[in-house]
Protein backbone atom coordinates (compact mmCIF):
# COMPACT_ATOMS: atom_id res chain seq x y z
CA MET A 1 98.64 104.61 84.98
CA TYR A 2 99.49 103.68 81.42
CA THR A 3 98.87 105.51 78.18
CA VAL A 4 98.49 104.42 74.57
CA SER A 5 102.01 105.78 74.00
CA ASP A 6 103.33 103.23 76.54
CA ILE A 7 101.73 100.41 74.56
CA MET A 8 103.06 101.75 71.26
CA MET A 9 106.62 102.00 72.65
CA ASP A 10 106.37 98.42 73.95
CA ILE A 11 105.16 97.16 70.55
CA ASN A 12 107.82 99.13 68.67
CA ARG A 13 110.59 97.75 70.93
CA ASN A 14 109.48 94.20 70.18
CA CYS A 15 109.18 94.92 66.45
CA MET A 16 112.78 96.16 66.44
CA ALA A 17 113.95 93.23 68.58
CA ASN A 18 112.42 90.83 66.04
CA ASN A 19 113.77 92.79 63.05
CA MET A 20 110.29 93.41 61.65
CA ALA A 21 109.19 95.93 59.04
CA GLU A 22 106.14 97.19 60.95
CA ASP A 23 104.03 98.12 57.94
CA ARG A 24 104.24 94.61 56.40
CA PHE A 25 102.06 92.87 58.96
CA SER A 26 98.49 92.79 60.17
CA TYR A 27 98.17 93.26 63.92
CA ARG A 28 95.62 91.64 66.21
CA ILE A 29 94.78 93.46 69.42
CA ILE A 30 93.27 91.18 72.06
CA PHE A 31 91.47 92.95 74.88
CA PHE A 32 89.11 92.26 77.76
CA VAL A 33 86.29 94.35 79.14
CA ASN A 34 85.84 93.54 82.84
CA GLU A 35 82.73 94.56 84.73
CA GLY A 36 82.47 93.28 88.28
CA SER A 37 83.07 89.53 88.16
CA ARG A 38 82.19 89.32 84.46
CA SER A 39 84.81 89.47 81.72
CA SER A 40 84.38 89.51 77.95
CA LYS A 41 87.19 88.85 75.46
CA TYR A 42 87.40 90.69 72.14
CA TYR A 43 89.87 91.26 69.36
CA ILE A 44 90.31 93.52 66.37
CA ASP A 45 92.66 93.33 63.41
CA THR A 46 94.42 96.44 62.14
CA LYS A 47 97.39 97.66 60.12
CA TYR A 48 100.38 99.36 61.75
CA GLY A 49 99.32 102.81 60.52
CA ASN A 50 96.01 102.47 62.38
CA LEU A 51 97.37 100.79 65.50
CA ARG A 52 97.30 103.90 67.73
CA LYS A 53 93.81 104.90 66.54
CA SER A 54 92.56 101.36 67.13
CA LEU A 55 93.93 101.29 70.68
CA GLU A 56 92.40 104.69 71.43
CA ARG A 57 89.06 103.59 69.98
CA ILE A 58 89.05 100.40 72.10
CA ILE A 59 89.63 102.38 75.27
CA ARG A 60 87.24 105.22 74.41
CA ASN A 61 84.38 102.92 73.36
CA ASN A 62 84.67 100.41 76.22
CA LEU A 63 85.92 102.21 79.31
CA SER A 64 83.26 103.47 81.70
CA LEU A 65 82.76 104.19 85.39
CA THR A 66 81.63 100.60 85.97
CA ASN A 67 84.19 98.60 83.99
CA ARG A 68 87.86 98.26 83.11
CA VAL A 69 89.63 97.61 79.84
CA VAL A 70 92.70 95.37 79.63
CA ILE A 71 94.81 95.46 76.47
CA ALA A 72 96.02 91.90 76.92
CA GLU A 73 98.14 91.29 73.82
CA THR A 74 99.06 92.57 70.40
CA THR A 75 100.15 89.84 68.02
CA VAL A 76 101.34 89.43 64.43
CA LEU A 77 101.51 86.38 62.22
CA LYS A 78 105.14 85.91 61.23
CA ASN A 79 106.38 82.84 59.33
CA GLY A 80 103.10 81.08 60.09
CA LYS A 81 103.41 81.58 63.86
CA SER A 82 101.58 84.01 66.09
CA MET A 83 104.07 86.27 67.84
CA GLY A 84 103.24 88.49 70.82
CA LEU A 85 104.58 92.04 70.76
CA GLN A 86 103.67 93.28 74.23
CA SER A 87 105.87 92.52 77.21
CA ARG A 88 102.86 92.89 79.56
CA SER A 89 99.14 93.60 79.60
CA TYR A 90 97.85 97.15 80.16
CA LEU A 91 94.91 97.94 82.44
CA PHE A 92 92.81 101.08 81.95
CA SER A 93 90.47 102.07 84.75
CA LEU A 94 88.72 105.32 85.60
CA ASP A 95 89.14 104.47 89.30
CA GLU A 96 92.88 104.88 88.93
CA TYR A 97 92.43 108.05 86.86
CA PHE A 98 90.23 109.74 89.49
CA SER A 99 92.57 108.57 92.23
CA ARG A 100 95.47 110.28 90.47
CA ILE A 101 93.49 113.49 90.01
CA ASN A 102 92.85 113.57 93.76
CA GLY A 103 96.55 113.00 94.46
CA ASN A 104 96.14 109.45 95.77
CA ARG A 105 98.26 106.59 94.49
CA SER A 106 98.06 102.97 95.54
CA ASP A 107 101.55 101.95 94.42
CA ASP A 108 104.78 102.45 96.37
CA ALA A 109 106.41 104.45 93.59
CA GLN A 110 107.49 108.01 94.06
CA ARG A 111 104.58 110.16 95.22
CA ARG A 112 103.77 113.51 93.68
CA ASP A 113 102.64 116.48 95.75
CA ILE A 114 99.89 117.87 93.50
CA LYS A 115 99.56 121.19 95.34
CA TYR A 116 103.18 122.20 94.80
CA SER A 117 103.95 119.92 91.83
CA ARG A 118 106.97 118.45 93.60
CA CYS A 119 108.06 114.88 94.07
CA ALA A 120 107.71 113.80 97.66
CA ALA A 121 109.84 110.93 98.89
CA ARG A 122 108.46 108.59 101.53
């Protein structure tokens, strides 16, 4: 399960890799809201100082029990070219959240024993 902090670290890594002064650009966040077999694409433009708040607002306003939110890409316009700053897309789903609360995980990563708060190896 990903957090907004994961997205921000990914964006910051790519800003540093491209030698960018973060506060000099306008950022475009492209995201999808998926419900069943239907998907809608949206985007918002924001400044670096509002990037975290914008990501949180996207997730808070669009995530529900019946749909998922995918933060697909964050881009900037640099030297006339659109440049992607995320190394991957980030899926937010309440199904995964409730699964984690119950101690169930679908991936093969290290499992956590919720009752004793210990890592359990397979």
